[in-house]
Amino acid sequence: MVRKLKYHEQKLLRRLDLVNWEVSGGNLAEVRALRRYRVGRREDYVQYKALARAVRALARRLRDLGPASAAFRARCAAALLEKLYGLGLVNSRQSLAVCESLSAAAFCRRRLPCLLVKLRMAQNLRHAVTFVEQGHVRVGPEVVTDPALLVPRAVEDFITWVDASRLRQKVLDYNQERDDFDLAA
């Protein structure tokens, strides 16, 4: 009686249960985070949640190790804290307590558009995502067009405009730093 759904209709209705819609409607906090950090793909946020959950579980397991393995626990805790600090997910390397409160929002804050706003290269996240998708931003020598790029602390200083970018030219004109050699190019 009812026609078979087309592929794009099936894809839209994949996570929707018309009988119990409030149960499968999604998490309100997740939707807020997706909007706040302008995460384009829900799969990225799900992956961030899984990574945060794994780090919290690892921190709990390290905390619960017995006193017989104190040296091992100290080595592993220091390595975990160093790794998370290098990625920019935690602000200090002091204790595992900061690892136990790690959330997916920490991963979202290390995305390239969020860092563009933090470095004041963009006014807001919407513009930052647009700049990244259009290819105006480079990290080190490589042009980045994926806004889901997680930028570690060591690479944070190498976020710049692409040399041929019109935005870079506008910034240089505004600051009156544009070189005459650049005008010929």
N, C-alpha and C. Protein backbone atom coordinates (compact mmCIF):
# COMPACT_ATOMS: atom_id res chain seq x y z
N MET A 1 0.80 -1.19 0.00
CA MET A 1 0.00 0.00 0.00
C MET A 1 0.85 1.26 0.00
N VAL A 2 1.87 1.27 0.81
CA VAL A 2 2.73 2.44 0.91
C VAL A 2 3.95 2.19 0.03
N ARG A 3 4.35 3.21 -0.70
CA ARG A 3 5.50 3.03 -1.58
C ARG A 3 6.79 2.89 -0.77
N LYS A 4 7.78 2.28 -1.38
CA LYS A 4 9.07 2.12 -0.73
C LYS A 4 9.77 3.47 -0.71
N LEU A 5 10.40 3.77 0.43
CA LEU A 5 11.08 5.05 0.57
C LEU A 5 12.32 5.09 -0.32
N LYS A 6 12.59 6.26 -0.89
CA LYS A 6 13.80 6.45 -1.67
C LYS A 6 14.99 6.54 -0.72
N TYR A 7 16.18 6.48 -1.30
CA TYR A 7 17.39 6.42 -0.49
C TYR A 7 17.51 7.65 0.42
N HIS A 8 17.34 8.84 -0.14
CA HIS A 8 17.51 10.04 0.68
C HIS A 8 16.42 10.16 1.74
N GLU A 9 15.25 9.60 1.48
CA GLU A 9 14.20 9.60 2.50
C GLU A 9 14.54 8.63 3.63
N GLN A 10 15.10 7.48 3.27
CA GLN A 10 15.52 6.52 4.28
C GLN A 10 16.63 7.11 5.15
N LYS A 11 17.55 7.85 4.50
CA LYS A 11 18.65 8.44 5.23
C LYS A 11 18.15 9.49 6.22
N LEU A 12 17.16 10.27 5.83
CA LEU A 12 16.60 11.28 6.72
C LEU A 12 15.85 10.66 7.90
N LEU A 13 15.20 9.54 7.66
CA LEU A 13 14.38 8.92 8.69
C LEU A 13 15.09 7.79 9.43
N ARG A 14 16.40 7.66 9.22
CA ARG A 14 17.13 6.54 9.80
C ARG A 14 17.07 6.54 11.33
N ARG A 15 17.24 7.70 11.96
CA ARG A 15 17.27 7.75 13.42
C ARG A 15 15.95 8.23 14.01
N LEU A 16 14.92 8.23 13.22
CA LEU A 16 13.64 8.75 13.69
C LEU A 16 12.66 7.62 13.91
N ASP A 17 12.12 7.56 15.11
CA ASP A 17 11.10 6.59 15.44
C ASP A 17 9.80 7.37 15.63
N LEU A 18 8.85 7.18 14.74
CA LEU A 18 7.64 7.98 14.76
C LEU A 18 6.72 7.61 15.91
N VAL A 19 6.91 6.45 16.53
CA VAL A 19 6.07 6.05 17.64
C VAL A 19 6.58 6.65 18.94
N ASN A 20 7.87 6.51 19.21
CA ASN A 20 8.49 7.04 20.43
C ASN A 20 9.49 8.13 20.05
N TRP A 21 9.02 9.22 19.52
CA TRP A 21 9.92 10.22 18.98
C TRP A 21 10.73 10.95 20.04
N GLU A 22 10.22 11.10 21.26
CA GLU A 22 11.00 11.82 22.26
C GLU A 22 12.19 11.00 22.74
N VAL A 23 12.12 9.69 22.61
CA VAL A 23 13.23 8.84 23.04
C VAL A 23 14.36 8.90 22.03
N SER A 24 14.04 8.88 20.74
CA SER A 24 15.08 8.85 19.72
C SER A 24 15.32 10.20 19.10
N GLY A 25 14.78 11.25 19.67
CA GLY A 25 14.92 12.58 19.09
C GLY A 25 16.32 13.15 19.20
N GLY A 26 17.14 12.61 20.03
CA GLY A 26 18.50 13.09 20.18
C GLY A 26 18.68 13.79 21.51
N ASN A 27 19.89 14.03 21.83
CA ASN A 27 20.25 14.64 23.10
C ASN A 27 20.28 16.16 22.92
N LEU A 28 19.59 16.87 23.78
CA LEU A 28 19.52 18.33 23.68
C LEU A 28 20.90 18.96 23.92
N ALA A 29 21.66 18.41 24.84
CA ALA A 29 23.00 18.93 25.09
C ALA A 29 23.90 18.74 23.87
N GLU A 30 23.72 17.62 23.19
CA GLU A 30 24.50 17.36 21.98
C GLU A 30 24.16 18.36 20.88
N VAL A 31 22.89 18.65 20.72
CA VAL A 31 22.47 19.62 19.71
C VAL A 31 23.01 21.00 20.04
N ARG A 32 22.98 21.37 21.32
CA ARG A 32 23.53 22.66 21.73
C ARG A 32 25.03 22.74 21.42
N ALA A 33 25.76 21.67 21.70
CA ALA A 33 27.20 21.67 21.43
C ALA A 33 27.46 21.73 19.93
N LEU A 34 26.68 21.03 19.15
CA LEU A 34 26.86 21.08 17.70
C LEU A 34 26.65 22.50 17.17
N ARG A 35 25.67 23.19 17.72
CA ARG A 35 25.42 24.57 17.29
C ARG A 35 26.47 25.53 17.83
N ARG A 36 26.82 25.35 19.09
CA ARG A 36 27.76 26.29 19.72
C ARG A 36 29.12 26.27 19.04
N TYR A 37 29.63 25.08 18.74
CA TYR A 37 30.95 24.95 18.15
C TYR A 37 30.92 24.80 16.64
N ARG A 38 29.73 24.92 16.04
CA ARG A 38 29.57 24.83 14.58
C ARG A 38 30.19 23.54 14.03
N VAL A 39 29.90 22.44 14.68
CA VAL A 39 30.36 21.13 14.20
C VAL A 39 29.42 20.71 13.09
N GLY A 40 29.95 20.56 11.89
CA GLY A 40 29.12 20.28 10.74
C GLY A 40 28.60 18.86 10.71
N ARG A 41 29.42 17.92 11.12
CA ARG A 41 29.01 16.52 11.06
C ARG A 41 28.82 15.99 12.47
N ARG A 42 27.68 15.36 12.70
CA ARG A 42 27.39 14.80 14.01
C ARG A 42 28.36 13.68 14.35
N GLU A 43 28.86 12.98 13.35
CA GLU A 43 29.79 11.86 13.58
C GLU A 43 31.07 12.34 14.26
N ASP A 44 31.51 13.57 13.93
CA ASP A 44 32.70 14.11 14.58
C ASP A 44 32.46 14.27 16.08
N TYR A 45 31.30 14.82 16.43
CA TYR A 45 31.00 15.02 17.85
C TYR A 45 30.86 13.69 18.58
N VAL A 46 30.27 12.70 17.93
CA VAL A 46 30.15 11.38 18.55
C VAL A 46 31.54 10.79 18.79
N GLN A 47 32.44 11.02 17.85
CA GLN A 47 33.81 10.53 18.01
C GLN A 47 34.52 11.27 19.16
N TYR A 48 34.29 12.57 19.29
CA TYR A 48 34.87 13.33 20.40
C TYR A 48 34.35 12.80 21.74
N LYS A 49 33.05 12.50 21.80
CA LYS A 49 32.49 11.95 23.03
C LYS A 49 33.12 10.61 23.38
N ALA A 50 33.33 9.78 22.36
CA ALA A 50 33.93 8.46 22.60
C ALA A 50 35.38 8.61 23.08
N LEU A 51 36.12 9.52 22.49
CA LEU A 51 37.51 9.73 22.91
C LEU A 51 37.57 10.27 24.35
N ALA A 52 36.68 11.20 24.67
CA ALA A 52 36.65 11.75 26.03
C ALA A 52 36.28 10.66 27.04
N ARG A 53 35.34 9.80 26.67
CA ARG A 53 34.94 8.70 27.55
C ARG A 53 36.09 7.74 27.75
N ALA A 54 36.85 7.45 26.69
CA ALA A 54 38.00 6.54 26.82
C ALA A 54 39.08 7.14 27.71
N VAL A 55 39.32 8.44 27.59
CA VAL A 55 40.33 9.09 28.44
C VAL A 55 39.89 9.07 29.90
N ARG A 56 38.62 9.34 30.13
CA ARG A 56 38.12 9.31 31.52
C ARG A 56 38.22 7.91 32.10
N ALA A 57 37.90 6.89 31.30
CA ALA A 57 38.01 5.51 31.78
C ALA A 57 39.46 5.14 32.08
N LEU A 58 40.37 5.57 31.23
CA LEU A 58 41.79 5.30 31.45
C LEU A 58 42.29 5.99 32.72
N ALA A 59 41.85 7.23 32.92
CA ALA A 59 42.26 7.95 34.12
C ALA A 59 41.71 7.27 35.38
N ARG A 60 40.48 6.78 35.30
CA ARG A 60 39.90 6.06 36.45
C ARG A 60 40.66 4.78 36.74
N ARG A 61 41.04 4.06 35.68
CA ARG A 61 41.78 2.81 35.88
C ARG A 61 43.15 3.08 36.46
N LEU A 62 43.79 4.15 36.02
CA LEU A 62 45.09 4.50 36.59
C LEU A 62 44.96 4.91 38.05
N ARG A 63 43.90 5.63 38.37
CA ARG A 63 43.69 6.06 39.75
C ARG A 63 43.45 4.87 40.66
N ASP A 64 42.77 3.84 40.15
CA ASP A 64 42.40 2.69 40.98
C ASP A 64 43.49 1.63 41.10
N LEU A 65 44.64 1.84 40.48
CA LEU A 65 45.72 0.87 40.62
C LEU A 65 46.20 0.84 42.07
N GLY A 66 46.63 -0.31 42.48
CA GLY A 66 47.05 -0.51 43.87
C GLY A 66 48.37 0.18 44.19
N PRO A 67 48.72 0.19 45.47
CA PRO A 67 49.97 0.83 45.88
C PRO A 67 51.21 0.08 45.42
N ALA A 68 51.05 -1.18 45.04
CA ALA A 68 52.20 -1.96 44.58
C ALA A 68 52.72 -1.45 43.23
N SER A 69 51.86 -0.82 42.47
CA SER A 69 52.27 -0.36 41.14
C SER A 69 52.31 1.17 41.08
N ALA A 70 52.83 1.78 42.11
CA ALA A 70 52.87 3.25 42.18
C ALA A 70 53.79 3.85 41.13
N ALA A 71 54.92 3.20 40.87
CA ALA A 71 55.86 3.73 39.88
C ALA A 71 55.24 3.65 38.47
N PHE A 72 54.61 2.53 38.18
CA PHE A 72 53.94 2.37 36.88
C PHE A 72 52.82 3.39 36.73
N ARG A 73 52.05 3.57 37.79
CA ARG A 73 50.94 4.53 37.75
C ARG A 73 51.47 5.95 37.51
N ALA A 74 52.55 6.31 38.16
CA ALA A 74 53.12 7.66 38.00
C ALA A 74 53.62 7.87 36.58
N ARG A 75 54.29 6.84 36.01
CA ARG A 75 54.79 6.95 34.64
C ARG A 75 53.65 7.10 33.64
N CYS A 76 52.63 6.25 33.77
CA CYS A 76 51.50 6.28 32.83
C CYS A 76 50.68 7.56 32.98
N ALA A 77 50.50 8.01 34.21
CA ALA A 77 49.75 9.25 34.44
C ALA A 77 50.49 10.43 33.84
N ALA A 78 51.81 10.46 34.03
CA ALA A 78 52.60 11.56 33.45
C ALA A 78 52.54 11.53 31.92
N ALA A 79 52.60 10.34 31.34
CA ALA A 79 52.53 10.23 29.88
C ALA A 79 51.17 10.66 29.36
N LEU A 80 50.11 10.25 30.04
CA LEU A 80 48.76 10.64 29.63
C LEU A 80 48.56 12.15 29.74
N LEU A 81 49.00 12.72 30.85
CA LEU A 81 48.85 14.17 31.04
C LEU A 81 49.68 14.95 30.04
N GLU A 82 50.87 14.45 29.73
CA GLU A 82 51.72 15.12 28.73
C GLU A 82 51.08 15.08 27.35
N LYS A 83 50.50 13.95 27.02
CA LYS A 83 49.83 13.82 25.72
C LYS A 83 48.63 14.75 25.63
N LEU A 84 47.80 14.77 26.65
CA LEU A 84 46.61 15.63 26.64
C LEU A 84 46.99 17.10 26.68
N TYR A 85 48.05 17.44 27.40
CA TYR A 85 48.50 18.83 27.44
C TYR A 85 49.06 19.26 26.08
N GLY A 86 49.80 18.36 25.43
CA GLY A 86 50.34 18.65 24.10
C GLY A 86 49.24 18.86 23.07
N LEU A 87 48.14 18.12 23.21
CA LEU A 87 47.01 18.29 22.31
C LEU A 87 46.19 19.52 22.66
N GLY A 88 46.41 20.07 23.85
CA GLY A 88 45.67 21.25 24.26
C GLY A 88 44.34 20.95 24.91
N LEU A 89 44.12 19.72 25.31
CA LEU A 89 42.83 19.34 25.89
C LEU A 89 42.74 19.64 27.37
N VAL A 90 43.88 19.71 28.06
CA VAL A 90 43.89 20.08 29.48
C VAL A 90 44.85 21.25 29.65
N ASN A 91 44.65 22.03 30.72
CA ASN A 91 45.45 23.23 30.92
C ASN A 91 46.65 23.02 31.84
N SER A 92 46.67 21.91 32.56
CA SER A 92 47.80 21.68 33.47
C SER A 92 48.17 20.21 33.46
N ARG A 93 49.39 19.95 33.86
CA ARG A 93 49.89 18.58 33.93
C ARG A 93 49.99 18.10 35.37
N GLN A 94 49.18 18.66 36.24
CA GLN A 94 49.34 18.41 37.67
C GLN A 94 48.80 17.06 38.13
N SER A 95 47.53 16.77 37.84
CA SER A 95 46.95 15.54 38.40
C SER A 95 45.96 14.93 37.42
N LEU A 96 45.60 13.69 37.73
CA LEU A 96 44.63 12.98 36.89
C LEU A 96 43.21 13.49 37.07
N ALA A 97 42.98 14.37 38.03
CA ALA A 97 41.63 14.90 38.25
C ALA A 97 41.15 15.69 37.04
N VAL A 98 42.07 16.35 36.34
CA VAL A 98 41.65 17.10 35.15
C VAL A 98 41.29 16.14 34.02
N CYS A 99 41.89 14.96 34.00
CA CYS A 99 41.55 13.97 32.97
C CYS A 99 40.17 13.37 33.22
N GLU A 100 39.80 13.26 34.47
CA GLU A 100 38.51 12.65 34.78
C GLU A 100 37.34 13.58 34.48
N SER A 101 37.63 14.86 34.26
CA SER A 101 36.56 15.79 33.91
C SER A 101 36.64 16.22 32.45
N LEU A 102 37.38 15.50 31.63
CA LEU A 102 37.52 15.84 30.21
C LEU A 102 36.19 15.58 29.49
N SER A 103 35.80 16.52 28.64
CA SER A 103 34.54 16.37 27.91
C SER A 103 34.78 16.54 26.42
N ALA A 104 33.74 16.29 25.65
CA ALA A 104 33.83 16.43 24.21
C ALA A 104 34.00 17.89 23.81
N ALA A 105 33.56 18.80 24.66
CA ALA A 105 33.71 20.22 24.37
C ALA A 105 35.18 20.62 24.31
N ALA A 106 36.04 19.94 25.05
CA ALA A 106 37.47 20.23 25.00
C ALA A 106 38.02 19.93 23.61
N PHE A 107 37.55 18.86 22.99
CA PHE A 107 37.95 18.54 21.63
C PHE A 107 37.41 19.58 20.66
N CYS A 108 36.18 20.01 20.88
CA CYS A 108 35.57 21.02 20.00
C CYS A 108 36.32 22.34 20.09
N ARG A 109 36.83 22.68 21.27
CA ARG A 109 37.57 23.94 21.42
C ARG A 109 38.92 23.90 20.72
N ARG A 110 39.43 22.73 20.39
CA ARG A 110 40.71 22.62 19.70
C ARG A 110 40.56 22.52 18.19
N ARG A 111 39.34 22.63 17.69
CA ARG A 111 39.13 22.63 16.25
C ARG A 111 39.66 23.93 15.65
N LEU A 112 40.03 23.89 14.39
CA LEU A 112 40.64 25.05 13.74
C LEU A 112 39.77 26.30 13.76
N PRO A 113 38.47 26.24 13.47
CA PRO A 113 37.67 27.47 13.51
C PRO A 113 37.61 28.11 14.90
N CYS A 114 37.57 27.31 15.95
CA CYS A 114 37.56 27.87 17.31
C CYS A 114 38.87 28.58 17.61
N LEU A 115 39.96 28.04 17.12
CA LEU A 115 41.25 28.69 17.34
C LEU A 115 41.37 29.96 16.51
N LEU A 116 40.74 30.00 15.34
CA LEU A 116 40.74 31.23 14.55
C LEU A 116 40.03 32.35 15.30
N VAL A 117 38.95 32.02 15.97
CA VAL A 117 38.24 33.02 16.77
C VAL A 117 39.10 33.42 17.97
N LYS A 118 39.75 32.45 18.59
CA LYS A 118 40.59 32.73 19.75
C LYS A 118 41.78 33.62 19.36
N LEU A 119 42.34 33.40 18.18
CA LEU A 119 43.47 34.20 17.70
C LEU A 119 43.02 35.51 17.05
N ARG A 120 41.72 35.74 17.05
CA ARG A 120 41.10 36.95 16.48
C ARG A 120 41.38 37.10 14.99
N MET A 121 41.42 35.99 14.30
CA MET A 121 41.52 36.01 12.85
C MET A 121 40.13 36.01 12.22
N ALA A 122 39.11 35.72 13.02
CA ALA A 122 37.72 35.74 12.57
C ALA A 122 36.86 36.31 13.69
N GLN A 123 35.75 36.94 13.30
CA GLN A 123 34.88 37.55 14.30
C GLN A 123 34.07 36.52 15.06
N ASN A 124 33.58 35.51 14.36
CA ASN A 124 32.77 34.49 15.01
C ASN A 124 33.02 33.15 14.33
N LEU A 125 32.41 32.11 14.89
CA LEU A 125 32.65 30.75 14.38
C LEU A 125 32.10 30.55 12.97
N ARG A 126 31.00 31.21 12.67
CA ARG A 126 30.41 31.05 11.33
C ARG A 126 31.38 31.55 10.26
N HIS A 127 31.98 32.71 10.50
CA HIS A 127 32.96 33.24 9.55
C HIS A 127 34.22 32.37 9.51
N ALA A 128 34.62 31.89 10.67
CA ALA A 128 35.83 31.05 10.73
C ALA A 128 35.65 29.76 9.94
N VAL A 129 34.49 29.14 10.08
CA VAL A 129 34.22 27.91 9.32
C VAL A 129 34.23 28.21 7.82
N THR A 130 33.66 29.34 7.44
CA THR A 130 33.64 29.73 6.02
C THR A 130 35.05 29.96 5.51
N PHE A 131 35.88 30.65 6.28
CA PHE A 131 37.26 30.90 5.86
C PHE A 131 38.02 29.60 5.65
N VAL A 132 37.84 28.66 6.57
CA VAL A 132 38.55 27.38 6.45
C VAL A 132 38.05 26.61 5.24
N GLU A 133 36.75 26.55 5.06
CA GLU A 133 36.20 25.78 3.93
C GLU A 133 36.58 26.38 2.59
N GLN A 134 36.75 27.70 2.52
CA GLN A 134 37.12 28.35 1.27
C GLN A 134 38.62 28.31 1.00
N GLY A 135 39.41 27.85 1.96
CA GLY A 135 40.84 27.69 1.74
C GLY A 135 41.66 28.92 2.01
N HIS A 136 41.22 29.78 2.91
CA HIS A 136 41.98 30.99 3.24
C HIS A 136 43.00 30.77 4.35
N VAL A 137 42.96 29.63 5.00
CA VAL A 137 43.79 29.40 6.19
C VAL A 137 44.76 28.25 5.91
N ARG A 138 45.97 28.43 6.43
CA ARG A 138 46.94 27.33 6.37
C ARG A 138 47.49 27.08 7.76
N VAL A 139 47.87 25.84 7.97
CA VAL A 139 48.50 25.44 9.23
C VAL A 139 49.88 24.93 8.84
N GLY A 140 50.89 25.71 9.16
CA GLY A 140 52.23 25.39 8.70
C GLY A 140 52.29 25.66 7.20
N PRO A 141 52.83 24.74 6.43
CA PRO A 141 52.90 24.96 4.98
C PRO A 141 51.66 24.49 4.22
N GLU A 142 50.75 23.79 4.88
CA GLU A 142 49.63 23.17 4.18
C GLU A 142 48.34 23.97 4.33
N VAL A 143 47.63 24.12 3.21
CA VAL A 143 46.32 24.77 3.22
C VAL A 143 45.31 23.77 3.76
N VAL A 144 44.47 24.21 4.69
CA VAL A 144 43.49 23.33 5.33
C VAL A 144 42.10 23.75 4.88
N THR A 145 41.30 22.78 4.43
CA THR A 145 39.92 23.07 4.05
C THR A 145 38.92 22.29 4.88
N ASP A 146 39.41 21.55 5.86
CA ASP A 146 38.53 20.77 6.73
C ASP A 146 38.42 21.45 8.09
N PRO A 147 37.23 21.95 8.47
CA PRO A 147 37.11 22.61 9.76
C PRO A 147 37.21 21.67 10.95
N ALA A 148 37.24 20.37 10.74
CA ALA A 148 37.30 19.41 11.84
C ALA A 148 38.73 19.14 12.28
N LEU A 149 39.71 19.86 11.75
CA LEU A 149 41.10 19.63 12.11
C LEU A 149 41.35 20.03 13.56
N LEU A 150 41.90 19.10 14.34
CA LEU A 150 42.27 19.38 15.73
C LEU A 150 43.72 19.87 15.73
N VAL A 151 43.94 21.04 16.29
CA VAL A 151 45.26 21.67 16.25
C VAL A 151 45.93 21.52 17.61
N PRO A 152 47.09 20.85 17.67
CA PRO A 152 47.82 20.73 18.93
C PRO A 152 48.47 22.06 19.33
N ARG A 153 48.94 22.13 20.56
CA ARG A 153 49.57 23.37 21.05
C ARG A 153 50.82 23.74 20.26
N ALA A 154 51.60 22.75 19.86
CA ALA A 154 52.86 23.04 19.17
C ALA A 154 52.63 23.67 17.80
N VAL A 155 51.50 23.42 17.18
CA VAL A 155 51.23 23.90 15.83
C VAL A 155 50.37 25.16 15.86
N GLU A 156 49.87 25.51 17.03
CA GLU A 156 48.94 26.64 17.15
C GLU A 156 49.55 27.95 16.66
N ASP A 157 50.86 28.12 16.83
CA ASP A 157 51.53 29.35 16.42
C ASP A 157 51.70 29.46 14.91
N PHE A 158 51.50 28.38 14.19
CA PHE A 158 51.72 28.37 12.75
C PHE A 158 50.44 28.51 11.94
N ILE A 159 49.37 28.97 12.57
CA ILE A 159 48.11 29.21 11.85
C ILE A 159 48.19 30.60 11.24
N THR A 160 48.15 30.65 9.91
CA THR A 160 48.24 31.93 9.21
C THR A 160 47.31 31.93 8.01
N TRP A 161 47.25 33.07 7.35
CA TRP A 161 46.50 33.17 6.11
C TRP A 161 47.33 32.61 4.97
N VAL A 162 46.67 32.13 3.94
CA VAL A 162 47.34 31.68 2.73
C VAL A 162 47.91 32.92 2.04
N ASP A 163 49.08 32.79 1.40
CA ASP A 163 49.73 33.94 0.79
C ASP A 163 48.86 34.63 -0.26
N ALA A 164 48.12 33.87 -1.04
CA ALA A 164 47.32 34.43 -2.11
C ALA A 164 45.90 34.80 -1.66
N SER A 165 45.65 34.75 -0.38
CA SER A 165 44.31 35.00 0.13
C SER A 165 43.96 36.48 0.07
N ARG A 166 42.73 36.77 -0.34
CA ARG A 166 42.27 38.16 -0.36
C ARG A 166 42.14 38.70 1.06
N LEU A 167 41.83 37.84 1.99
CA LEU A 167 41.72 38.27 3.39
C LEU A 167 43.07 38.74 3.92
N ARG A 168 44.11 38.04 3.58
CA ARG A 168 45.46 38.44 4.00
C ARG A 168 45.81 39.79 3.41
N GLN A 169 45.46 40.00 2.15
CA GLN A 169 45.73 41.29 1.51
C GLN A 169 44.95 42.41 2.18
N LYS A 170 43.71 42.15 2.55
CA LYS A 170 42.90 43.16 3.23
C LYS A 170 43.49 43.51 4.59
N VAL A 171 43.95 42.49 5.32
CA VAL A 171 44.54 42.73 6.64
C VAL A 171 45.82 43.54 6.50
N LEU A 172 46.65 43.21 5.51
CA LEU A 172 47.89 43.95 5.30
C LEU A 172 47.60 45.39 4.87
N ASP A 173 46.59 45.58 4.03
CA ASP A 173 46.20 46.94 3.64
C ASP A 173 45.72 47.74 4.84
N TYR A 174 44.92 47.11 5.67
CA TYR A 174 44.38 47.80 6.84
C TYR A 174 45.49 48.22 7.79
N ASN A 175 46.46 47.34 7.99
CA ASN A 175 47.58 47.62 8.89
C ASN A 175 48.68 48.42 8.21
N GLN A 176 48.50 48.75 6.95
CA GLN A 176 49.48 49.48 6.14
C GLN A 176 50.83 48.79 6.16
N GLU A 177 50.82 47.48 5.99
CA GLU A 177 52.03 46.67 5.98
C GLU A 177 52.24 45.96 4.66
N ARG A 178 51.41 46.25 3.68
CA ARG A 178 51.52 45.57 2.40
C ARG A 178 52.74 46.07 1.64
N ASP A 179 53.50 45.15 1.11
CA ASP A 179 54.75 45.45 0.42
C ASP A 179 54.45 45.78 -1.04
N ASP A 180 55.26 46.62 -1.66
CA ASP A 180 55.08 46.96 -3.07
C ASP A 180 55.32 45.74 -3.95
N PHE A 181 56.16 44.85 -3.51
CA PHE A 181 56.41 43.62 -4.28
C PHE A 181 55.14 42.78 -4.35
N ASP A 182 54.34 42.79 -3.29
CA ASP A 182 53.09 42.04 -3.28
C ASP A 182 52.07 42.63 -4.23
N LEU A 183 52.13 43.94 -4.49
CA LEU A 183 51.20 44.57 -5.41
C LEU A 183 51.41 44.09 -6.85
N ALA A 184 52.65 43.79 -7.20
CA ALA A 184 52.92 43.31 -8.55
C ALA A 184 52.40 41.90 -8.75
N ALA A 185 52.34 41.13 -7.69
CA ALA A 185 51.88 39.74 -7.80
C ALA A 185 50.40 39.72 -7.73
